[in-house]
Protein backbone atom coordinates (compact mmCIF):
# COMPACT_ATOMS: atom_id res chain seq x y z
CA MET A 1 261.47 30.11 57.49
CA ILE A 2 263.00 27.54 59.82
CA SER A 3 261.27 26.96 63.15
CA ASN A 4 263.84 26.73 65.91
CA ILE A 5 262.52 24.38 68.58
CA ALA A 6 263.47 24.02 72.23
CA VAL A 7 262.26 21.06 74.28
CA LEU A 8 261.96 21.18 78.07
CA VAL A 9 262.23 17.80 79.77
CA SER A 10 262.52 16.14 83.17
CA GLY A 11 262.62 12.41 82.45
CA ARG A 12 263.23 9.65 79.93
CA GLY A 13 262.21 11.66 76.89
CA SER A 14 260.12 9.26 74.82
CA ASN A 15 257.99 12.12 73.49
CA LEU A 16 261.18 14.03 72.76
CA GLN A 17 262.37 11.03 70.77
CA SER A 18 259.16 11.02 68.73
CA ILE A 19 259.73 14.68 67.84
CA ILE A 20 263.38 14.03 66.95
CA ASP A 21 262.41 11.07 64.75
CA ASN A 22 259.71 13.03 62.93
CA VAL A 23 262.03 15.97 62.28
CA GLU A 24 264.77 13.68 60.99
CA SER A 25 262.36 11.71 58.79
CA GLY A 26 261.07 14.90 57.17
CA TYR A 27 257.51 14.55 58.48
CA ILE A 28 258.09 17.82 60.33
CA GLN A 29 259.79 20.02 57.74
CA ASN A 30 261.53 23.37 58.08
CA ALA A 31 262.21 22.79 61.76
CA LYS A 32 265.28 22.18 63.86
CA ILE A 33 265.57 21.17 67.51
CA LYS A 34 268.19 23.66 68.69
CA ILE A 35 268.32 22.90 72.42
CA VAL A 36 266.95 20.44 74.98
CA ILE A 37 266.80 21.79 78.53
CA SER A 38 266.33 19.63 81.62
CA ASP A 39 265.73 20.47 85.27
CA VAL A 40 267.03 17.00 86.20
CA ALA A 41 270.75 16.30 85.82
CA ASP A 42 270.50 12.62 84.89
CA ALA A 43 267.36 12.78 82.75
CA TYR A 44 267.72 10.18 79.99
CA ALA A 45 266.23 12.71 77.58
CA LEU A 46 269.60 14.48 77.64
CA GLU A 47 271.34 11.31 76.47
CA ARG A 48 268.82 10.88 73.67
CA SER A 49 269.55 14.43 72.53
CA LYS A 50 273.31 13.99 72.56
CA LYS A 51 273.00 10.87 70.38
CA HIS A 52 271.40 13.06 67.72
CA GLY A 53 273.88 15.92 68.05
CA ILE A 54 271.40 18.25 69.74
CA ASN A 55 272.61 20.88 72.19
CA THR A 56 271.64 20.19 75.81
CA ALA A 57 271.56 22.12 79.05
CA PHE A 58 270.90 21.15 82.65
CA ILE A 59 269.60 24.05 84.71
CA ASP A 60 269.49 23.25 88.42
CA PRO A 61 266.47 25.03 89.95
CA SER A 62 268.06 24.83 93.41
CA ARG A 63 270.77 27.29 92.30
CA PHE A 64 268.24 30.09 92.01
CA ALA A 65 266.61 32.16 94.73
CA SER A 66 263.23 32.12 93.00
CA LYS A 67 261.28 30.44 90.23
CA ARG A 68 261.39 33.70 88.32
CA GLU A 69 265.21 33.78 88.34
CA TYR A 70 265.30 30.13 87.26
CA GLU A 71 263.02 30.83 84.32
CA GLN A 72 264.94 33.97 83.35
CA GLU A 73 267.94 31.68 82.89
CA ILE A 74 265.84 29.45 80.62
CA ILE A 75 264.62 32.47 78.65
CA SER A 76 268.17 33.72 78.14
CA ILE A 77 269.20 30.33 76.71
CA LEU A 78 266.14 30.22 74.46
CA GLN A 79 266.91 33.67 73.12
CA VAL A 80 270.54 32.77 72.40
CA HIS A 81 269.24 29.94 70.21
CA ASP A 82 266.61 32.16 68.54
CA ILE A 83 263.80 29.82 69.62
CA ASN A 84 260.29 30.36 68.27
CA LEU A 85 258.60 27.17 69.51
CA VAL A 86 258.91 25.60 72.97
CA LEU A 87 257.74 22.05 73.64
CA LEU A 88 257.10 20.59 77.08
CA ALA A 89 257.80 16.86 76.84
CA GLY A 90 257.49 15.35 80.28
CA TYR A 91 258.59 18.61 81.90
CA MET A 92 257.44 18.31 85.50
CA ARG A 93 257.31 21.98 86.46
CA ILE A 94 254.53 24.52 86.18
CA VAL A 95 255.60 27.17 83.71
CA GLY A 96 255.67 30.68 85.14
CA SER A 97 254.28 33.93 83.76
CA ASP A 98 257.58 35.32 82.45
CA LEU A 99 258.23 32.33 80.20
CA ILE A 100 254.62 32.22 79.07
CA GLU A 101 254.54 35.93 78.20
CA THR A 102 257.89 35.79 76.41
CA TYR A 103 256.67 32.88 74.27
CA LYS A 104 252.95 33.58 74.23
CA ASN A 105 251.06 31.01 72.16
CA LYS A 106 254.39 29.40 71.27
CA ILE A 107 254.54 26.77 74.04
CA LEU A 108 252.93 23.36 73.48
CA ASN A 109 252.42 20.62 76.06
CA ILE A 110 251.40 16.97 75.84
CA HIS A 111 249.20 15.65 78.66
CA PRO A 112 248.10 12.02 79.22
CA ALA A 113 244.37 12.70 79.64
CA LEU A 114 241.42 14.05 77.72
CA LEU A 115 241.44 17.59 79.07
CA PRO A 116 239.77 19.30 80.80
CA SER A 117 239.39 16.07 82.78
CA PHE A 118 242.22 14.83 85.01
CA ARG A 119 244.60 17.75 85.05
CA GLY A 120 247.92 17.63 86.84
CA LEU A 121 249.93 14.65 87.99
CA HIS A 122 249.00 10.95 87.69
CA ALA A 123 246.27 11.61 85.15
CA GLN A 124 246.05 7.93 84.17
CA LYS A 125 245.53 6.89 87.79
CA GLN A 126 242.92 9.62 88.19
CA ALA A 127 241.06 8.26 85.15
CA LEU A 128 241.11 4.67 86.45
CA ASN A 129 239.96 5.71 89.92
CA TYR A 130 237.10 7.71 88.43
CA GLY A 131 235.97 4.71 86.41
CA VAL A 132 235.96 6.29 82.97
CA LYS A 133 235.58 4.02 79.95
CA VAL A 134 237.62 6.21 77.61
CA ALA A 135 240.91 7.95 78.38
CA GLY A 136 243.46 9.52 76.07
CA CYS A 137 245.89 12.38 75.56
CA THR A 138 245.84 16.05 74.67
CA VAL A 139 248.21 18.52 73.01
CA HIS A 140 247.47 22.06 74.10
CA PHE A 141 248.87 25.56 74.22
CA VAL A 142 250.27 26.44 77.63
CA ASP A 143 248.74 29.20 79.71
CA GLU A 144 249.29 30.28 83.31
CA ASP A 145 247.16 27.57 84.92
CA VAL A 146 247.83 23.82 84.97
CA ASP A 147 246.71 22.00 81.81
CA THR A 148 244.06 24.59 80.95
CA GLY A 149 245.35 26.06 77.69
CA PRO A 150 243.50 25.88 74.35
CA ILE A 151 243.32 22.33 72.98
CA ILE A 152 245.03 21.54 69.67
CA LEU A 153 244.61 17.77 69.29
CA GLN A 154 243.22 14.87 71.31
CA LYS A 155 243.24 11.10 70.90
CA CYS A 156 240.98 8.60 72.65
CA VAL A 157 242.13 5.34 74.19
CA PRO A 158 239.64 2.76 75.52
CA VAL A 159 239.98 1.79 79.17
CA LEU A 160 239.98 -1.99 79.57
CA GLU A 161 238.59 -3.84 82.59
CA GLU A 162 241.98 -5.34 83.37
CA ASP A 163 243.91 -2.08 82.97
CA THR A 164 246.43 -0.96 85.54
CA GLU A 165 247.97 2.49 85.68
CA ASP A 166 251.00 1.10 83.82
CA THR A 167 249.11 -0.65 81.02
CA LEU A 168 246.82 2.31 80.42
CA SER A 169 249.79 4.69 80.50
CA ASP A 170 251.62 2.62 77.88
CA ARG A 171 248.69 2.67 75.47
CA ILE A 172 248.15 6.38 75.95
CA LEU A 173 251.87 6.99 75.40
CA ASP A 174 251.67 5.25 72.02
CA GLN A 175 249.09 7.86 70.96
CA GLU A 176 251.09 10.73 72.48
CA HIS A 177 253.93 9.79 70.14
CA LYS A 178 251.55 10.29 67.20
CA ILE A 179 249.64 13.46 68.05
CA PHE A 180 252.50 15.51 69.50
CA PRO A 181 254.50 15.45 66.22
CA GLU A 182 251.28 16.12 64.31
CA ALA A 183 250.57 19.21 66.39
CA VAL A 184 254.16 20.42 65.99
CA LYS A 185 253.90 19.91 62.22
CA MET A 186 250.71 22.00 62.09
CA PHE A 187 252.30 24.77 64.16
CA VAL A 188 255.46 24.87 62.05
CA GLU A 189 253.41 24.98 58.85
CA GLY A 190 251.32 27.89 60.16
CA LYS A 191 248.13 25.87 60.11
CA LEU A 192 246.91 26.71 63.61
CA LYS A 193 244.72 29.74 64.26
CA LEU A 194 243.79 30.65 67.82
CA GLU A 195 240.39 32.29 68.34
CA GLY A 196 239.88 32.72 72.08
CA ARG A 197 239.90 29.18 73.43
CA ILE A 198 239.23 27.64 70.03
CA VAL A 199 242.11 26.35 67.91
CA ARG A 200 241.22 26.27 64.21
CA ARG A 201 243.10 24.07 61.77
CA LEU A 202 243.77 25.92 58.55
CA LYS A 203 243.97 24.10 55.23
């Protein structure tokens, strides 16, 4: 069975590119990125998608009277493309209950911190300001709160004395590009089992 993937984006799309590359290389098998949806008209992620022949859509949230109506539009597009896995790759909006319920346990997010620490925006800056010695990134299932869903994979990155938000972010991003495709591969292959908050990796 082919997994039809949709990716929601807001920015430059480097994590999207890592997923595209790993699908095209065959690392992620039996999967196809059917649609990339952005809430930002000039997001570079849309250009990346077009270069690979992937369908794109810009949905302007300001055109809708409510968040629920906006997400119903997203859901309708996902259903047209028969999507069974949704990836959040730099998508800068909190996902609402309708989208989460429609794709329950089928939405994955990548976050630049070792959750549950440093949820939300500017996680790398939060980590530096707190003085941690180890930072990192997390792939998790999405639930109705911010960055609180069950954790699939994490990767540690040492925090150096001379680190700035930019340098730490760059090193974390390198690891994001590795663990996000790995998590997608496990999902597509049916190797993830959710038991409450615990995600088991099946052999």
